[in-house]
Structure formats: C-alpha cells, structure tokens
C-alpha cells in the first residue's frame, strides 16, 4: 500500500483531513503534518520523520502539498531526494485525495501521481445556478443533503 502524507500552510492539512474523515472515514497509512508559523523551526524535521516512518511501513509515500514553491512543497522535495519511492503532489484538493484513497491499494506510486493530476483538475469547475439548472445531466441538488 502507498502511504499518504498531507501537509500545507496553517490549517490546510488538518482541515482537509477532517473533511476526508467525514466523507471517507478514518484511513490507514494517512498522516497529517501541518506547517504552522510557531512551529516553523521544527517543521522540516517533523515532516522528514513522518515521511521516513511512513516509508518504512509502506511500499511508497505520496506527499500532498498545497502550493507549488511553498515551504511544505520545498521541504517535501528535499526529503524526496533522500528517501526512495516518495512522490510529491501540489495543488491538493478534496476530490483528488478521496479518489486516490480508494485507488491506492491497487495502483503504483506513479499511477497514483498521474491519477491525482487528472482528478484534481477535473474537480475544479466554475458553476452558476443557471448553468446547473439548464443541464440535462443528473440532478446535482437532489432530495438529499449530499455527502
């Protein structure tokens, strides 16, 4: 199984992890490492420890980050140079992580990385009530509260 590390600025990672738990339940081999300003001095060491520990128990590690070029991304890339079978994703969103959680038992690290980009991009759309109401596709509002 591929392990997942979720990281990003401020409450990005804990907030996204909370939404994931609500939609997909608790997940094995899934760790959150937030980048908080008051813990910036130890962040790199904390992230390295999480990735290394996850790599010891999993076939590979996928690190989900928020911003290309931000500290979580940069630190993840530096660690990935030292630890084998680690891939770093940026621009993480909820549809991306949920889809990959359900695929990770049957896919390689590289396949998951490719699928993440596809699903992440597909999950970003611009909608208006008028465009949705005129659509002949499924009723997205439905009679239920949603997920």
N, C-alpha and C. Protein backbone atom coordinates (compact mmCIF):
# COMPACT_ATOMS: atom_id res chain seq x y z
N UNK A 1 0.84 -1.18 0.00
CA UNK A 1 0.00 0.00 0.00
C UNK A 1 0.89 1.25 0.00
N UNK A 2 0.42 2.28 -0.65
CA UNK A 2 1.10 3.57 -0.67
C UNK A 2 0.57 4.40 0.50
N UNK A 3 1.50 4.95 1.27
CA UNK A 3 1.12 5.81 2.38
C UNK A 3 0.93 7.24 1.93
N UNK A 4 0.08 7.96 2.63
CA UNK A 4 -0.22 9.35 2.29
C UNK A 4 0.19 10.27 3.43
N UNK A 5 0.89 11.35 3.07
CA UNK A 5 1.22 12.43 4.00
C UNK A 5 0.55 13.68 3.45
N UNK A 6 -0.22 14.35 4.28
CA UNK A 6 -0.92 15.57 3.89
C UNK A 6 -0.31 16.73 4.66
N UNK A 7 0.17 17.74 3.92
CA UNK A 7 0.81 18.88 4.56
C UNK A 7 0.45 20.17 3.82
N UNK A 8 0.64 21.28 4.49
CA UNK A 8 0.35 22.57 3.88
C UNK A 8 0.37 23.66 4.94
N UNK A 9 0.14 24.87 4.49
CA UNK A 9 0.19 26.04 5.36
C UNK A 9 -1.00 26.10 6.33
N UNK A 10 -0.71 26.48 7.57
CA UNK A 10 -1.76 26.71 8.57
C UNK A 10 -2.65 25.49 8.77
N UNK A 11 -3.94 25.71 8.71
CA UNK A 11 -4.91 24.65 8.95
C UNK A 11 -5.33 23.91 7.68
N UNK A 12 -4.61 24.13 6.58
CA UNK A 12 -4.95 23.44 5.33
C UNK A 12 -5.02 21.93 5.52
N UNK A 13 -3.94 21.33 6.00
CA UNK A 13 -3.87 19.88 6.12
C UNK A 13 -4.84 19.33 7.16
N UNK A 14 -4.89 19.87 8.38
CA UNK A 14 -5.87 19.36 9.35
C UNK A 14 -7.31 19.55 8.88
N UNK A 15 -7.60 20.68 8.23
CA UNK A 15 -8.95 20.92 7.74
C UNK A 15 -9.34 19.95 6.64
N UNK A 16 -8.44 19.73 5.71
CA UNK A 16 -8.70 18.78 4.63
C UNK A 16 -8.83 17.36 5.18
N UNK A 17 -8.00 17.03 6.16
CA UNK A 17 -8.08 15.70 6.78
C UNK A 17 -9.42 15.51 7.48
N UNK A 18 -9.93 16.54 8.09
CA UNK A 18 -11.24 16.47 8.74
C UNK A 18 -12.34 16.20 7.71
N UNK A 19 -12.29 16.88 6.58
CA UNK A 19 -13.27 16.66 5.51
C UNK A 19 -13.14 15.25 4.95
N UNK A 20 -11.93 14.76 4.79
CA UNK A 20 -11.70 13.40 4.28
C UNK A 20 -12.29 12.38 5.23
N UNK A 21 -12.08 12.55 6.53
CA UNK A 21 -12.62 11.62 7.52
C UNK A 21 -14.15 11.62 7.48
N UNK A 22 -14.73 12.80 7.26
CA UNK A 22 -16.19 12.90 7.19
C UNK A 22 -16.75 12.15 5.98
N UNK A 23 -16.07 12.25 4.85
CA UNK A 23 -16.55 11.64 3.61
C UNK A 23 -16.11 10.18 3.49
N UNK A 24 -14.86 9.87 3.82
CA UNK A 24 -14.31 8.54 3.55
C UNK A 24 -13.96 7.74 4.81
N UNK A 25 -14.14 8.31 5.98
CA UNK A 25 -13.82 7.61 7.22
C UNK A 25 -12.33 7.66 7.54
N UNK A 26 -11.98 7.10 8.67
CA UNK A 26 -10.58 7.03 9.07
C UNK A 26 -9.81 6.16 8.09
N UNK A 27 -8.58 6.56 7.80
CA UNK A 27 -7.78 5.87 6.79
C UNK A 27 -6.47 5.38 7.39
N UNK A 28 -6.07 4.16 7.03
CA UNK A 28 -4.75 3.68 7.46
C UNK A 28 -3.66 4.36 6.63
N UNK A 29 -2.46 4.38 7.18
CA UNK A 29 -1.30 4.93 6.48
C UNK A 29 -1.59 6.32 5.93
N UNK A 30 -2.13 7.18 6.78
CA UNK A 30 -2.51 8.54 6.41
C UNK A 30 -2.11 9.45 7.57
N UNK A 31 -1.19 10.37 7.31
CA UNK A 31 -0.66 11.24 8.35
C UNK A 31 -0.73 12.70 7.91
N UNK A 32 -1.01 13.56 8.88
CA UNK A 32 -1.09 15.00 8.64
C UNK A 32 0.09 15.67 9.32
N UNK A 33 0.80 16.53 8.57
CA UNK A 33 1.90 17.31 9.13
C UNK A 33 1.67 18.78 8.74
N UNK A 34 1.01 19.55 9.63
CA UNK A 34 0.74 20.96 9.29
C UNK A 34 2.00 21.82 9.39
N UNK A 35 2.04 22.88 8.60
CA UNK A 35 3.12 23.86 8.67
C UNK A 35 2.55 25.11 9.35
N UNK A 36 2.78 25.20 10.64
CA UNK A 36 2.31 26.33 11.44
C UNK A 36 3.47 27.28 11.69
N UNK A 37 3.21 28.57 11.67
CA UNK A 37 4.26 29.58 11.85
C UNK A 37 5.04 29.42 13.13
N UNK A 38 4.36 29.07 14.24
CA UNK A 38 5.05 28.96 15.52
C UNK A 38 5.88 27.68 15.63
N UNK A 39 5.73 26.77 14.68
CA UNK A 39 6.49 25.53 14.68
C UNK A 39 7.40 25.43 13.45
N UNK A 40 7.66 26.56 12.82
CA UNK A 40 8.44 26.57 11.57
C UNK A 40 9.84 26.01 11.76
N UNK A 41 10.43 26.24 12.92
CA UNK A 41 11.81 25.78 13.15
C UNK A 41 11.92 24.26 13.12
N UNK A 42 10.89 23.56 13.56
CA UNK A 42 10.96 22.09 13.62
C UNK A 42 10.19 21.41 12.48
N UNK A 43 9.56 22.19 11.61
CA UNK A 43 8.72 21.63 10.56
C UNK A 43 9.46 20.63 9.66
N UNK A 44 10.63 21.01 9.17
CA UNK A 44 11.39 20.13 8.28
C UNK A 44 11.71 18.79 8.93
N UNK A 45 12.11 18.83 10.20
CA UNK A 45 12.42 17.60 10.93
C UNK A 45 11.16 16.77 11.15
N UNK A 46 10.04 17.43 11.48
CA UNK A 46 8.78 16.72 11.70
C UNK A 46 8.31 16.05 10.41
N UNK A 47 8.41 16.77 9.31
CA UNK A 47 8.00 16.22 8.02
C UNK A 47 8.89 15.05 7.62
N UNK A 48 10.19 15.21 7.79
CA UNK A 48 11.13 14.12 7.47
C UNK A 48 10.83 12.88 8.31
N UNK A 49 10.57 13.06 9.58
CA UNK A 49 10.26 11.93 10.46
C UNK A 49 8.98 11.22 10.01
N UNK A 50 7.96 12.00 9.62
CA UNK A 50 6.69 11.41 9.18
C UNK A 50 6.87 10.64 7.87
N UNK A 51 7.60 11.23 6.92
CA UNK A 51 7.82 10.56 5.63
C UNK A 51 8.66 9.31 5.82
N UNK A 52 9.70 9.39 6.61
CA UNK A 52 10.58 8.24 6.85
C UNK A 52 9.82 7.11 7.53
N UNK A 53 9.02 7.44 8.55
CA UNK A 53 8.24 6.41 9.26
C UNK A 53 7.21 5.79 8.32
N UNK A 54 6.57 6.60 7.50
CA UNK A 54 5.56 6.08 6.57
C UNK A 54 6.23 5.19 5.53
N UNK A 55 7.41 5.58 5.07
CA UNK A 55 8.13 4.80 4.05
C UNK A 55 8.54 3.44 4.60
N UNK A 56 8.84 3.36 5.89
CA UNK A 56 9.23 2.08 6.49
C UNK A 56 8.07 1.10 6.54
N UNK A 57 6.84 1.60 6.59
CA UNK A 57 5.69 0.70 6.68
C UNK A 57 4.93 0.53 5.36
N UNK A 58 5.26 1.34 4.36
CA UNK A 58 4.52 1.30 3.08
C UNK A 58 5.47 1.10 1.90
N UNK A 59 4.89 0.70 0.76
CA UNK A 59 5.67 0.50 -0.46
C UNK A 59 6.19 1.80 -1.04
N UNK A 60 5.50 2.87 -0.78
CA UNK A 60 5.88 4.20 -1.25
C UNK A 60 5.09 5.23 -0.48
N UNK A 61 5.43 6.49 -0.69
CA UNK A 61 4.75 7.58 0.02
C UNK A 61 4.39 8.66 -0.98
N UNK A 62 3.15 9.10 -0.91
CA UNK A 62 2.66 10.21 -1.70
C UNK A 62 2.46 11.38 -0.74
N UNK A 63 3.16 12.48 -1.00
CA UNK A 63 3.05 13.66 -0.16
C UNK A 63 2.18 14.68 -0.88
N UNK A 64 1.08 15.06 -0.26
CA UNK A 64 0.15 16.04 -0.82
C UNK A 64 0.46 17.39 -0.20
N UNK A 65 0.76 18.40 -1.03
CA UNK A 65 1.05 19.75 -0.54
C UNK A 65 0.06 20.74 -1.15
N UNK A 66 0.04 21.93 -0.57
CA UNK A 66 -0.93 22.92 -1.04
C UNK A 66 -0.40 23.77 -2.20
N UNK A 67 0.75 24.39 -2.04
CA UNK A 67 1.24 25.36 -3.04
C UNK A 67 2.59 24.99 -3.64
N UNK A 68 2.67 25.04 -4.94
CA UNK A 68 3.95 24.87 -5.63
C UNK A 68 4.89 25.98 -5.20
N UNK A 69 6.07 25.63 -4.72
CA UNK A 69 7.06 26.61 -4.32
C UNK A 69 6.96 27.06 -2.88
N UNK A 70 5.91 26.63 -2.17
CA UNK A 70 5.78 26.97 -0.75
C UNK A 70 6.68 26.09 0.10
N UNK A 71 6.84 26.45 1.35
CA UNK A 71 7.70 25.70 2.26
C UNK A 71 7.33 24.22 2.35
N UNK A 72 6.05 23.85 2.51
CA UNK A 72 5.74 22.41 2.56
C UNK A 72 6.17 21.67 1.29
N UNK A 73 5.96 22.28 0.13
CA UNK A 73 6.39 21.66 -1.12
C UNK A 73 7.92 21.57 -1.17
N UNK A 74 8.59 22.66 -0.89
CA UNK A 74 10.06 22.68 -0.96
C UNK A 74 10.69 21.66 -0.01
N UNK A 75 10.19 21.61 1.22
CA UNK A 75 10.73 20.66 2.20
C UNK A 75 10.46 19.22 1.74
N UNK A 76 9.27 18.98 1.22
CA UNK A 76 8.93 17.64 0.74
C UNK A 76 9.85 17.20 -0.39
N UNK A 77 10.13 18.11 -1.31
CA UNK A 77 11.02 17.79 -2.43
C UNK A 77 12.44 17.49 -1.95
N UNK A 78 12.93 18.24 -0.98
CA UNK A 78 14.27 17.97 -0.45
C UNK A 78 14.34 16.60 0.21
N UNK A 79 13.29 16.25 0.95
CA UNK A 79 13.25 14.95 1.61
C UNK A 79 13.13 13.83 0.57
N UNK A 80 12.34 14.06 -0.48
CA UNK A 80 12.16 13.05 -1.53
C UNK A 80 13.48 12.72 -2.24
N UNK A 81 14.45 13.63 -2.20
CA UNK A 81 15.76 13.36 -2.79
C UNK A 81 16.52 12.32 -1.98
N UNK A 82 16.21 12.24 -0.68
CA UNK A 82 16.94 11.35 0.22
C UNK A 82 16.23 10.03 0.51
N UNK A 83 14.92 9.99 0.30
CA UNK A 83 14.13 8.81 0.64
C UNK A 83 13.55 8.25 -0.66
N UNK A 84 13.76 6.96 -0.90
CA UNK A 84 13.27 6.36 -2.15
C UNK A 84 11.76 6.18 -2.12
N UNK A 85 11.17 6.12 -3.33
CA UNK A 85 9.73 5.89 -3.52
C UNK A 85 8.86 6.92 -2.81
N UNK A 86 9.22 8.18 -2.97
CA UNK A 86 8.42 9.29 -2.46
C UNK A 86 8.10 10.20 -3.64
N UNK A 87 6.81 10.50 -3.81
CA UNK A 87 6.39 11.42 -4.85
C UNK A 87 5.63 12.57 -4.19
N UNK A 88 5.82 13.78 -4.72
CA UNK A 88 5.22 14.98 -4.14
C UNK A 88 4.21 15.56 -5.11
N UNK A 89 3.01 15.83 -4.61
CA UNK A 89 1.96 16.46 -5.39
C UNK A 89 1.70 17.85 -4.83
N UNK A 90 1.30 18.75 -5.68
CA UNK A 90 0.97 20.10 -5.24
C UNK A 90 -0.39 20.49 -5.82
N UNK A 91 -1.03 21.48 -5.20
CA UNK A 91 -2.37 21.86 -5.63
C UNK A 91 -3.42 20.88 -5.14
N UNK A 92 -3.18 20.28 -4.02
CA UNK A 92 -4.05 19.24 -3.48
C UNK A 92 -5.47 19.76 -3.24
N UNK A 93 -6.45 18.93 -3.61
CA UNK A 93 -7.84 19.26 -3.31
C UNK A 93 -8.57 18.00 -2.84
N UNK A 94 -9.76 18.19 -2.28
CA UNK A 94 -10.52 17.09 -1.69
C UNK A 94 -10.85 15.97 -2.68
N UNK A 95 -11.36 16.28 -3.88
CA UNK A 95 -11.65 15.18 -4.82
C UNK A 95 -10.41 14.34 -5.14
N UNK A 96 -9.27 14.98 -5.25
CA UNK A 96 -8.02 14.28 -5.55
C UNK A 96 -7.69 13.25 -4.48
N UNK A 97 -7.69 13.69 -3.24
CA UNK A 97 -7.29 12.79 -2.15
C UNK A 97 -8.29 11.65 -1.97
N UNK A 98 -9.57 11.97 -2.01
CA UNK A 98 -10.58 10.93 -1.83
C UNK A 98 -10.47 9.86 -2.91
N UNK A 99 -10.35 10.27 -4.16
CA UNK A 99 -10.22 9.30 -5.25
C UNK A 99 -9.00 8.41 -5.04
N UNK A 100 -7.88 9.01 -4.69
CA UNK A 100 -6.66 8.23 -4.52
C UNK A 100 -6.71 7.30 -3.32
N UNK A 101 -7.44 7.68 -2.28
CA UNK A 101 -7.59 6.78 -1.14
C UNK A 101 -8.21 5.46 -1.56
N UNK A 102 -9.18 5.53 -2.47
CA UNK A 102 -9.86 4.32 -2.92
C UNK A 102 -9.07 3.54 -3.97
N UNK A 103 -8.08 4.17 -4.58
CA UNK A 103 -7.27 3.51 -5.61
C UNK A 103 -5.95 2.97 -5.09
N UNK A 104 -5.48 3.47 -3.98
CA UNK A 104 -4.09 3.21 -3.58
C UNK A 104 -3.75 1.76 -3.28
N UNK A 105 -4.72 0.91 -3.00
CA UNK A 105 -4.43 -0.49 -2.77
C UNK A 105 -4.13 -1.27 -4.04
N UNK A 106 -4.51 -0.69 -5.19
CA UNK A 106 -4.36 -1.40 -6.47
C UNK A 106 -3.59 -0.60 -7.50
N UNK A 107 -2.79 0.35 -7.09
CA UNK A 107 -2.07 1.19 -8.05
C UNK A 107 -0.65 1.45 -7.54
N UNK A 108 0.23 1.70 -8.49
CA UNK A 108 1.61 2.04 -8.14
C UNK A 108 1.69 3.52 -7.75
N UNK A 109 2.80 3.89 -7.18
CA UNK A 109 3.04 5.29 -6.81
C UNK A 109 2.93 6.19 -8.04
N UNK A 110 3.53 5.78 -9.15
CA UNK A 110 3.49 6.59 -10.37
C UNK A 110 2.07 6.70 -10.91
N UNK A 111 1.32 5.59 -10.89
CA UNK A 111 -0.07 5.63 -11.36
C UNK A 111 -0.92 6.55 -10.50
N UNK A 112 -0.70 6.52 -9.20
CA UNK A 112 -1.44 7.41 -8.31
C UNK A 112 -1.11 8.87 -8.59
N UNK A 113 0.15 9.16 -8.84
CA UNK A 113 0.54 10.53 -9.16
C UNK A 113 -0.13 11.04 -10.42
N UNK A 114 -0.17 10.20 -11.44
CA UNK A 114 -0.84 10.59 -12.69
C UNK A 114 -2.34 10.79 -12.48
N UNK A 115 -2.96 9.89 -11.75
CA UNK A 115 -4.40 9.98 -11.50
C UNK A 115 -4.73 11.21 -10.65
N UNK A 116 -3.84 11.56 -9.73
CA UNK A 116 -4.06 12.74 -8.88
C UNK A 116 -4.20 14.00 -9.72
N UNK A 117 -3.35 14.15 -10.70
CA UNK A 117 -3.40 15.34 -11.56
C UNK A 117 -4.71 15.37 -12.34
N UNK A 118 -5.10 14.24 -12.89
CA UNK A 118 -6.35 14.17 -13.66
C UNK A 118 -7.55 14.51 -12.79
N UNK A 119 -7.67 13.84 -11.66
CA UNK A 119 -8.82 14.05 -10.78
C UNK A 119 -8.80 15.44 -10.18
N UNK A 120 -7.62 15.92 -9.80
CA UNK A 120 -7.52 17.26 -9.23
C UNK A 120 -8.00 18.33 -10.19
N UNK A 121 -7.62 18.20 -11.45
CA UNK A 121 -8.04 19.18 -12.46
C UNK A 121 -9.53 19.06 -12.75
N UNK A 122 -10.03 17.85 -12.82
CA UNK A 122 -11.44 17.62 -13.11
C UNK A 122 -12.32 18.15 -11.97
N UNK A 123 -11.80 18.12 -10.76
CA UNK A 123 -12.56 18.58 -9.60
C UNK A 123 -12.72 20.08 -9.52
N UNK A 124 -12.04 20.82 -10.37
CA UNK A 124 -12.14 22.28 -10.36
C UNK A 124 -13.01 22.71 -11.53
N UNK A 125 -14.19 23.26 -11.22
CA UNK A 125 -15.11 23.73 -12.24
C UNK A 125 -15.74 25.04 -11.78
N UNK A 126 -16.23 25.80 -12.70
CA UNK A 126 -16.99 27.02 -12.38
C UNK A 126 -18.44 26.74 -12.71
N UNK A 127 -19.33 26.99 -11.77
CA UNK A 127 -20.74 26.70 -11.95
C UNK A 127 -21.57 27.92 -11.59
N UNK A 128 -22.71 28.04 -12.22
CA UNK A 128 -23.73 29.01 -11.83
C UNK A 128 -25.03 28.24 -11.65
N UNK A 129 -25.95 28.79 -10.90
CA UNK A 129 -27.23 28.12 -10.72
C UNK A 129 -27.91 27.94 -12.07
N UNK A 130 -27.82 28.96 -12.92
CA UNK A 130 -28.46 28.89 -14.24
C UNK A 130 -27.88 27.76 -15.09
N UNK A 131 -26.56 27.62 -15.07
CA UNK A 131 -25.95 26.57 -15.90
C UNK A 131 -26.28 25.18 -15.37
N UNK A 132 -26.36 25.05 -14.07
CA UNK A 132 -26.70 23.75 -13.48
C UNK A 132 -28.16 23.44 -13.71
N UNK A 133 -29.03 24.42 -13.56
CA UNK A 133 -30.47 24.20 -13.74
C UNK A 133 -30.81 23.83 -15.18
N UNK A 134 -30.06 24.36 -16.14
CA UNK A 134 -30.36 24.07 -17.54
C UNK A 134 -29.72 22.76 -18.01
N UNK A 135 -28.88 22.19 -17.19
CA UNK A 135 -28.21 20.96 -17.57
C UNK A 135 -29.19 19.80 -17.56
N UNK A 136 -29.06 18.92 -18.54
CA UNK A 136 -29.91 17.73 -18.61
C UNK A 136 -29.26 16.54 -17.91
N UNK A 137 -28.08 16.78 -17.30
CA UNK A 137 -27.41 15.71 -16.59
C UNK A 137 -28.14 15.46 -15.27
N UNK A 138 -27.58 14.61 -14.44
CA UNK A 138 -28.20 14.24 -13.18
C UNK A 138 -28.53 15.47 -12.34
N UNK A 139 -29.51 15.33 -11.50
CA UNK A 139 -29.95 16.41 -10.62
C UNK A 139 -28.94 16.53 -9.48
N UNK A 140 -28.03 17.50 -9.55
CA UNK A 140 -26.98 17.60 -8.55
C UNK A 140 -27.50 18.11 -7.21
N UNK A 141 -28.67 18.75 -7.22
CA UNK A 141 -29.23 19.22 -5.96
C UNK A 141 -29.94 18.10 -5.23
N UNK A 142 -30.59 17.23 -5.97
CA UNK A 142 -31.23 16.05 -5.40
C UNK A 142 -32.18 16.35 -4.25
N UNK A 143 -32.67 15.29 -3.63
CA UNK A 143 -33.57 15.41 -2.50
C UNK A 143 -32.84 15.21 -1.18
N UNK A 144 -31.58 14.85 -1.25
CA UNK A 144 -30.83 14.58 -0.04
C UNK A 144 -29.85 15.70 0.25
N UNK A 145 -29.25 15.63 1.40
CA UNK A 145 -28.31 16.66 1.83
C UNK A 145 -26.97 16.57 1.14
N UNK A 146 -26.67 15.51 0.44
CA UNK A 146 -25.38 15.33 -0.21
C UNK A 146 -24.50 14.41 0.61
N UNK A 147 -23.22 14.53 0.40
CA UNK A 147 -22.26 13.64 1.09
C UNK A 147 -22.14 14.05 2.53
